[in-house]
Amino acid sequence: MISNAAIWVTDQDYNRLKRLLAGLMQQSRGMQAGVDTLEEVLDLARVVHPEKVPESVVTMNSRVLFEDLRTSEKSTVTIVYPDDADPSSGTISVLSPVGAALLGESEGAKVDLPLPHDRTRRIKIIDVLYQPEAQGDFAL
């Protein structure tokens, strides 16, 4: 479930993610929850040029610190495209439930992550530790 705050996506990320989703329509959908969330994010997103996205917003290749609001456990992940994902090193696919839910959200946002058996996990974005656009890395 997406937060009620504005969702920001760069035009470059938007176009790449739309192509990714279009390609997935031709394949099986092993990550259905993440795909559905990503589709919702893109439908609701305010699409902007990379230079215009606030530095507190999670974009592709951003490193994010978030907290599970039930357990108070904190985690750091980097949101990447599926081919670059390696959860053991902290890089997660934008098609994962966590990756899709974080994309476009801002520091302080509280987001519900879908879990099996119609359960959810509520997290809060504590800090965007690295955002490519804020560092001038527009080609990632």
N, C-alpha and C. Protein backbone atom coordinates (compact mmCIF):
# COMPACT_ATOMS: atom_id res chain seq x y z
N MET A 1 0.84 -1.17 0.00
CA MET A 1 0.00 0.00 0.00
C MET A 1 0.89 1.24 0.00
N ILE A 2 0.56 2.16 -0.84
CA ILE A 2 1.32 3.38 -1.02
C ILE A 2 0.92 4.39 0.07
N SER A 3 1.88 5.22 0.51
CA SER A 3 1.55 6.24 1.50
C SER A 3 0.70 7.32 0.84
N ASN A 4 0.16 8.21 1.65
CA ASN A 4 -0.67 9.29 1.12
C ASN A 4 0.14 10.47 0.64
N ALA A 5 1.44 10.49 0.87
CA ALA A 5 2.30 11.58 0.45
C ALA A 5 2.54 11.52 -1.06
N ALA A 6 3.07 12.61 -1.59
CA ALA A 6 3.39 12.66 -3.02
C ALA A 6 4.43 11.60 -3.36
N ILE A 7 4.27 10.99 -4.50
CA ILE A 7 5.22 10.01 -5.01
C ILE A 7 5.97 10.66 -6.16
N TRP A 8 7.28 10.67 -6.08
CA TRP A 8 8.12 11.28 -7.10
C TRP A 8 8.90 10.21 -7.84
N VAL A 9 8.93 10.30 -9.16
CA VAL A 9 9.73 9.38 -9.98
C VAL A 9 10.36 10.21 -11.09
N THR A 10 11.65 9.99 -11.33
CA THR A 10 12.29 10.72 -12.42
C THR A 10 11.76 10.19 -13.75
N ASP A 11 11.79 11.06 -14.76
CA ASP A 11 11.29 10.62 -16.06
C ASP A 11 12.11 9.45 -16.61
N GLN A 12 13.42 9.44 -16.35
CA GLN A 12 14.27 8.34 -16.80
C GLN A 12 13.86 7.03 -16.12
N ASP A 13 13.68 7.06 -14.78
CA ASP A 13 13.25 5.86 -14.05
C ASP A 13 11.87 5.42 -14.52
N TYR A 14 10.97 6.37 -14.71
CA TYR A 14 9.61 6.06 -15.14
C TYR A 14 9.63 5.29 -16.45
N ASN A 15 10.37 5.80 -17.43
CA ASN A 15 10.42 5.15 -18.74
C ASN A 15 11.06 3.77 -18.66
N ARG A 16 12.14 3.63 -17.90
CA ARG A 16 12.79 2.33 -17.76
C ARG A 16 11.88 1.33 -17.05
N LEU A 17 11.20 1.78 -16.01
CA LEU A 17 10.34 0.87 -15.25
C LEU A 17 9.10 0.49 -16.05
N LYS A 18 8.56 1.38 -16.85
CA LYS A 18 7.43 1.03 -17.71
C LYS A 18 7.84 -0.04 -18.72
N ARG A 19 9.06 0.09 -19.29
CA ARG A 19 9.55 -0.94 -20.22
C ARG A 19 9.75 -2.27 -19.50
N LEU A 20 10.28 -2.21 -18.28
CA LEU A 20 10.47 -3.42 -17.49
C LEU A 20 9.13 -4.12 -17.26
N LEU A 21 8.12 -3.36 -16.84
CA LEU A 21 6.80 -3.95 -16.60
C LEU A 21 6.19 -4.51 -17.88
N ALA A 22 6.37 -3.80 -18.99
CA ALA A 22 5.84 -4.29 -20.26
C ALA A 22 6.48 -5.62 -20.63
N GLY A 23 7.78 -5.76 -20.39
CA GLY A 23 8.47 -7.01 -20.66
C GLY A 23 7.99 -8.14 -19.75
N LEU A 24 7.64 -7.80 -18.53
CA LEU A 24 7.15 -8.81 -17.59
C LEU A 24 5.78 -9.35 -17.99
N MET A 25 5.02 -8.57 -18.70
CA MET A 25 3.70 -9.03 -19.14
C MET A 25 3.84 -10.24 -20.06
N GLN A 26 5.01 -10.38 -20.69
CA GLN A 26 5.26 -11.49 -21.59
C GLN A 26 5.75 -12.74 -20.84
N GLN A 27 6.11 -12.56 -19.56
CA GLN A 27 6.69 -13.64 -18.77
C GLN A 27 5.75 -13.99 -17.62
N SER A 28 6.17 -15.00 -16.86
CA SER A 28 5.40 -15.31 -15.65
C SER A 28 5.64 -14.22 -14.62
N ARG A 29 4.72 -14.09 -13.69
CA ARG A 29 4.81 -13.03 -12.71
C ARG A 29 5.14 -13.60 -11.34
N GLY A 30 6.38 -13.96 -11.10
CA GLY A 30 6.80 -14.54 -9.85
C GLY A 30 6.77 -13.59 -8.67
N MET A 31 6.82 -12.30 -8.92
CA MET A 31 6.84 -11.30 -7.85
C MET A 31 5.59 -10.44 -7.95
N GLN A 32 4.44 -11.06 -7.92
CA GLN A 32 3.18 -10.37 -8.18
C GLN A 32 2.95 -9.17 -7.26
N ALA A 33 3.20 -9.30 -5.96
CA ALA A 33 2.96 -8.19 -5.04
C ALA A 33 3.81 -6.98 -5.41
N GLY A 34 5.08 -7.20 -5.71
CA GLY A 34 5.97 -6.10 -6.10
C GLY A 34 5.57 -5.50 -7.43
N VAL A 35 5.18 -6.33 -8.38
CA VAL A 35 4.74 -5.84 -9.69
C VAL A 35 3.49 -4.98 -9.53
N ASP A 36 2.53 -5.46 -8.76
CA ASP A 36 1.30 -4.69 -8.55
C ASP A 36 1.59 -3.35 -7.88
N THR A 37 2.46 -3.37 -6.87
CA THR A 37 2.82 -2.13 -6.17
C THR A 37 3.53 -1.18 -7.10
N LEU A 38 4.46 -1.69 -7.90
CA LEU A 38 5.19 -0.83 -8.83
C LEU A 38 4.25 -0.22 -9.86
N GLU A 39 3.31 -1.00 -10.37
CA GLU A 39 2.33 -0.45 -11.30
C GLU A 39 1.54 0.69 -10.65
N GLU A 40 1.15 0.50 -9.39
CA GLU A 40 0.42 1.54 -8.67
C GLU A 40 1.28 2.79 -8.49
N VAL A 41 2.55 2.60 -8.12
CA VAL A 41 3.47 3.72 -7.94
C VAL A 41 3.56 4.53 -9.24
N LEU A 42 3.77 3.84 -10.35
CA LEU A 42 3.94 4.54 -11.62
C LEU A 42 2.66 5.24 -12.05
N ASP A 43 1.51 4.64 -11.74
CA ASP A 43 0.24 5.28 -12.08
C ASP A 43 0.02 6.57 -11.29
N LEU A 44 0.50 6.61 -10.05
CA LEU A 44 0.27 7.75 -9.17
C LEU A 44 1.41 8.77 -9.17
N ALA A 45 2.51 8.42 -9.79
CA ALA A 45 3.74 9.21 -9.66
C ALA A 45 3.67 10.58 -10.30
N ARG A 46 4.36 11.49 -9.65
CA ARG A 46 4.64 12.81 -10.23
C ARG A 46 5.97 12.63 -10.94
N VAL A 47 5.96 12.64 -12.26
CA VAL A 47 7.15 12.36 -13.06
C VAL A 47 7.89 13.68 -13.31
N VAL A 48 9.16 13.73 -12.93
CA VAL A 48 9.95 14.95 -13.02
C VAL A 48 11.32 14.67 -13.64
N HIS A 49 11.98 15.73 -14.12
CA HIS A 49 13.35 15.60 -14.59
C HIS A 49 14.23 15.27 -13.38
N PRO A 50 15.29 14.49 -13.57
CA PRO A 50 16.14 14.08 -12.45
C PRO A 50 16.63 15.24 -11.57
N GLU A 51 16.92 16.38 -12.19
CA GLU A 51 17.42 17.52 -11.44
C GLU A 51 16.37 18.11 -10.50
N LYS A 52 15.11 17.78 -10.70
CA LYS A 52 14.00 18.37 -9.94
C LYS A 52 13.52 17.50 -8.78
N VAL A 53 13.97 16.25 -8.70
CA VAL A 53 13.49 15.36 -7.64
C VAL A 53 14.13 15.77 -6.31
N PRO A 54 13.34 15.94 -5.25
CA PRO A 54 13.92 16.29 -3.95
C PRO A 54 14.89 15.22 -3.48
N GLU A 55 15.95 15.61 -2.80
CA GLU A 55 16.98 14.65 -2.37
C GLU A 55 16.52 13.73 -1.26
N SER A 56 15.36 13.98 -0.68
CA SER A 56 14.82 13.11 0.37
C SER A 56 13.93 12.01 -0.20
N VAL A 57 13.84 11.90 -1.52
CA VAL A 57 12.97 10.93 -2.20
C VAL A 57 13.79 9.71 -2.63
N VAL A 58 13.20 8.53 -2.49
CA VAL A 58 13.82 7.28 -2.91
C VAL A 58 13.64 7.13 -4.42
N THR A 59 14.76 7.09 -5.14
CA THR A 59 14.76 6.86 -6.58
C THR A 59 15.50 5.55 -6.84
N MET A 60 15.56 5.14 -8.09
CA MET A 60 16.32 3.95 -8.43
C MET A 60 17.78 4.15 -8.03
N ASN A 61 18.38 3.11 -7.49
CA ASN A 61 19.77 3.10 -7.03
C ASN A 61 19.99 3.91 -5.75
N SER A 62 18.91 4.30 -5.08
CA SER A 62 19.03 4.97 -3.78
C SER A 62 19.30 3.94 -2.68
N ARG A 63 20.09 4.36 -1.69
CA ARG A 63 20.32 3.55 -0.49
C ARG A 63 19.45 4.14 0.62
N VAL A 64 18.64 3.29 1.25
CA VAL A 64 17.60 3.75 2.16
C VAL A 64 17.69 3.04 3.50
N LEU A 65 17.56 3.82 4.57
CA LEU A 65 17.45 3.27 5.92
C LEU A 65 15.99 3.35 6.32
N PHE A 66 15.40 2.18 6.69
CA PHE A 66 14.01 2.18 7.13
C PHE A 66 13.87 1.34 8.40
N GLU A 67 12.75 1.55 9.08
CA GLU A 67 12.50 0.87 10.33
C GLU A 67 11.16 0.15 10.28
N ASP A 68 11.15 -1.09 10.78
CA ASP A 68 9.91 -1.83 10.95
C ASP A 68 9.24 -1.25 12.19
N LEU A 69 8.05 -0.70 12.04
CA LEU A 69 7.40 -0.01 13.15
C LEU A 69 6.88 -0.95 14.23
N ARG A 70 6.74 -2.23 13.93
CA ARG A 70 6.30 -3.19 14.95
C ARG A 70 7.46 -3.69 15.79
N THR A 71 8.59 -4.01 15.12
CA THR A 71 9.73 -4.61 15.82
C THR A 71 10.83 -3.62 16.16
N SER A 72 10.78 -2.42 15.57
CA SER A 72 11.83 -1.39 15.70
C SER A 72 13.14 -1.80 15.04
N GLU A 73 13.12 -2.88 14.26
CA GLU A 73 14.31 -3.32 13.53
C GLU A 73 14.57 -2.36 12.37
N LYS A 74 15.85 -1.98 12.22
CA LYS A 74 16.23 -1.09 11.12
C LYS A 74 16.99 -1.88 10.06
N SER A 75 16.77 -1.50 8.81
CA SER A 75 17.43 -2.15 7.69
C SER A 75 17.87 -1.10 6.69
N THR A 76 18.93 -1.41 5.98
CA THR A 76 19.41 -0.55 4.90
C THR A 76 19.42 -1.36 3.62
N VAL A 77 18.83 -0.82 2.57
CA VAL A 77 18.80 -1.48 1.26
C VAL A 77 19.08 -0.46 0.16
N THR A 78 19.51 -0.98 -0.97
CA THR A 78 19.64 -0.18 -2.18
C THR A 78 18.66 -0.74 -3.19
N ILE A 79 17.85 0.13 -3.79
CA ILE A 79 16.81 -0.27 -4.74
C ILE A 79 17.44 -0.32 -6.14
N VAL A 80 17.40 -1.49 -6.78
CA VAL A 80 18.03 -1.68 -8.09
C VAL A 80 17.08 -2.40 -9.05
N TYR A 81 17.49 -2.47 -10.31
CA TYR A 81 16.74 -3.24 -11.30
C TYR A 81 16.96 -4.73 -11.01
N PRO A 82 16.02 -5.57 -11.41
CA PRO A 82 16.07 -7.00 -11.05
C PRO A 82 17.40 -7.70 -11.35
N ASP A 83 18.02 -7.41 -12.49
CA ASP A 83 19.27 -8.09 -12.84
C ASP A 83 20.43 -7.74 -11.91
N ASP A 84 20.32 -6.61 -11.20
CA ASP A 84 21.40 -6.16 -10.31
C ASP A 84 21.15 -6.52 -8.85
N ALA A 85 20.01 -7.16 -8.57
CA ALA A 85 19.65 -7.46 -7.19
C ALA A 85 20.50 -8.58 -6.61
N ASP A 86 20.93 -8.38 -5.37
CA ASP A 86 21.65 -9.38 -4.59
C ASP A 86 21.33 -9.11 -3.12
N PRO A 87 20.23 -9.67 -2.63
CA PRO A 87 19.80 -9.38 -1.26
C PRO A 87 20.88 -9.61 -0.20
N SER A 88 21.80 -10.55 -0.44
CA SER A 88 22.85 -10.81 0.55
C SER A 88 23.81 -9.64 0.68
N SER A 89 23.87 -8.79 -0.34
CA SER A 89 24.74 -7.61 -0.27
C SER A 89 23.93 -6.32 -0.06
N GLY A 90 22.63 -6.47 0.17
CA GLY A 90 21.82 -5.29 0.48
C GLY A 90 21.19 -4.61 -0.72
N THR A 91 21.31 -5.20 -1.90
CA THR A 91 20.65 -4.63 -3.07
C THR A 91 19.39 -5.45 -3.35
N ILE A 92 18.25 -4.76 -3.42
CA ILE A 92 16.99 -5.46 -3.64
C ILE A 92 16.31 -4.94 -4.90
N SER A 93 15.60 -5.83 -5.55
CA SER A 93 14.91 -5.51 -6.79
C SER A 93 13.76 -4.54 -6.53
N VAL A 94 13.57 -3.65 -7.48
CA VAL A 94 12.42 -2.76 -7.45
C VAL A 94 11.12 -3.55 -7.59
N LEU A 95 11.20 -4.81 -8.01
CA LEU A 95 10.02 -5.66 -8.12
C LEU A 95 9.71 -6.41 -6.84
N SER A 96 10.60 -6.33 -5.85
CA SER A 96 10.30 -6.93 -4.55
C SER A 96 9.27 -6.05 -3.85
N PRO A 97 8.50 -6.62 -2.92
CA PRO A 97 7.53 -5.79 -2.21
C PRO A 97 8.15 -4.57 -1.53
N VAL A 98 9.33 -4.76 -0.90
CA VAL A 98 9.99 -3.63 -0.23
C VAL A 98 10.47 -2.61 -1.25
N GLY A 99 11.15 -3.07 -2.29
CA GLY A 99 11.68 -2.16 -3.31
C GLY A 99 10.59 -1.33 -3.97
N ALA A 100 9.52 -2.00 -4.37
CA ALA A 100 8.42 -1.30 -5.03
C ALA A 100 7.74 -0.31 -4.09
N ALA A 101 7.60 -0.69 -2.83
CA ALA A 101 6.92 0.19 -1.87
C ALA A 101 7.75 1.42 -1.52
N LEU A 102 9.08 1.30 -1.52
CA LEU A 102 9.93 2.42 -1.17
C LEU A 102 10.09 3.43 -2.30
N LEU A 103 10.06 2.95 -3.55
CA LEU A 103 10.31 3.83 -4.69
C LEU A 103 9.35 5.01 -4.71
N GLY A 104 9.91 6.20 -4.83
CA GLY A 104 9.11 7.42 -4.96
C GLY A 104 8.66 8.03 -3.65
N GLU A 105 8.87 7.30 -2.55
CA GLU A 105 8.48 7.80 -1.24
C GLU A 105 9.58 8.68 -0.66
N SER A 106 9.24 9.48 0.34
CA SER A 106 10.17 10.43 0.96
C SER A 106 10.51 10.03 2.38
N GLU A 107 11.61 10.60 2.88
CA GLU A 107 11.97 10.40 4.28
C GLU A 107 10.78 10.74 5.16
N GLY A 108 10.54 9.91 6.16
CA GLY A 108 9.42 10.12 7.08
C GLY A 108 8.15 9.40 6.67
N ALA A 109 8.07 8.94 5.42
CA ALA A 109 6.86 8.25 4.95
C ALA A 109 6.71 6.91 5.65
N LYS A 110 5.47 6.55 5.95
CA LYS A 110 5.14 5.24 6.50
C LYS A 110 4.41 4.47 5.42
N VAL A 111 4.88 3.25 5.18
CA VAL A 111 4.38 2.45 4.07
C VAL A 111 4.02 1.05 4.56
N ASP A 112 2.91 0.51 4.07
CA ASP A 112 2.52 -0.86 4.38
C ASP A 112 3.05 -1.78 3.30
N LEU A 113 3.78 -2.81 3.70
CA LEU A 113 4.31 -3.81 2.77
C LEU A 113 3.40 -5.02 2.79
N PRO A 114 3.04 -5.54 1.62
CA PRO A 114 2.21 -6.74 1.59
C PRO A 114 3.01 -7.98 2.00
N LEU A 115 2.41 -8.80 2.83
CA LEU A 115 2.99 -10.07 3.26
C LEU A 115 2.03 -11.19 2.89
N PRO A 116 2.49 -12.44 2.92
CA PRO A 116 1.58 -13.55 2.63
C PRO A 116 0.40 -13.59 3.60
N HIS A 117 -0.65 -14.22 3.19
CA HIS A 117 -1.86 -14.44 3.99
C HIS A 117 -2.55 -13.13 4.37
N ASP A 118 -2.54 -12.17 3.44
CA ASP A 118 -3.22 -10.88 3.62
C ASP A 118 -2.74 -10.09 4.83
N ARG A 119 -1.50 -10.27 5.20
CA ARG A 119 -0.93 -9.49 6.29
C ARG A 119 -0.09 -8.36 5.70
N THR A 120 0.25 -7.39 6.53
CA THR A 120 1.12 -6.30 6.09
C THR A 120 2.19 -6.04 7.15
N ARG A 121 3.22 -5.37 6.73
CA ARG A 121 4.31 -4.94 7.60
C ARG A 121 4.44 -3.44 7.38
N ARG A 122 4.35 -2.65 8.43
CA ARG A 122 4.44 -1.19 8.31
C ARG A 122 5.86 -0.75 8.59
N ILE A 123 6.41 0.01 7.66
CA ILE A 123 7.76 0.53 7.81
C ILE A 123 7.74 2.05 7.68
N LYS A 124 8.82 2.65 8.18
CA LYS A 124 8.99 4.10 8.07
C LYS A 124 10.36 4.36 7.47
N ILE A 125 10.41 5.25 6.48
CA ILE A 125 11.68 5.63 5.88
C ILE A 125 12.36 6.62 6.82
N ILE A 126 13.50 6.22 7.34
CA ILE A 126 14.26 7.05 8.28
C ILE A 126 15.14 8.04 7.53
N ASP A 127 15.87 7.54 6.51
CA ASP A 127 16.84 8.39 5.83
C ASP A 127 17.12 7.84 4.43
N VAL A 128 17.24 8.73 3.46
CA VAL A 128 17.77 8.37 2.15
C VAL A 128 19.26 8.66 2.24
N LEU A 129 20.03 7.60 2.44
CA LEU A 129 21.47 7.73 2.68
C LEU A 129 22.24 8.14 1.43
N TYR A 130 21.74 7.69 0.29
CA TYR A 130 22.36 8.05 -0.99
C TYR A 130 21.25 8.08 -2.03
N GLN A 131 21.23 9.16 -2.79
CA GLN A 131 20.32 9.26 -3.93
C GLN A 131 21.16 9.73 -5.11
N PRO A 132 21.19 8.98 -6.21
CA PRO A 132 22.04 9.35 -7.35
C PRO A 132 21.82 10.77 -7.84
N GLU A 133 20.58 11.17 -7.96
CA GLU A 133 20.28 12.50 -8.50
C GLU A 133 20.84 13.61 -7.61
N ALA A 134 20.79 13.43 -6.31
CA ALA A 134 21.30 14.44 -5.38
C ALA A 134 22.83 14.58 -5.51
N GLN A 135 23.46 13.50 -5.97
CA GLN A 135 24.93 13.51 -6.15
C GLN A 135 25.34 13.84 -7.58
N GLY A 136 24.37 14.12 -8.44
CA GLY A 136 24.67 14.43 -9.83
C GLY A 136 24.93 13.21 -10.68
N ASP A 137 24.58 12.02 -10.17
CA ASP A 137 24.77 10.77 -10.91
C ASP A 137 23.49 10.46 -11.71
N PHE A 138 23.36 11.12 -12.85
CA PHE A 138 22.13 11.00 -13.64
C PHE A 138 22.14 9.82 -14.61
N ALA A 139 23.27 9.14 -14.76
CA ALA A 139 23.39 8.09 -15.76
C ALA A 139 23.24 6.68 -15.18
N LEU A 140 22.95 6.55 -13.90
CA LEU A 140 22.82 5.21 -13.31
C LEU A 140 21.57 4.51 -13.78
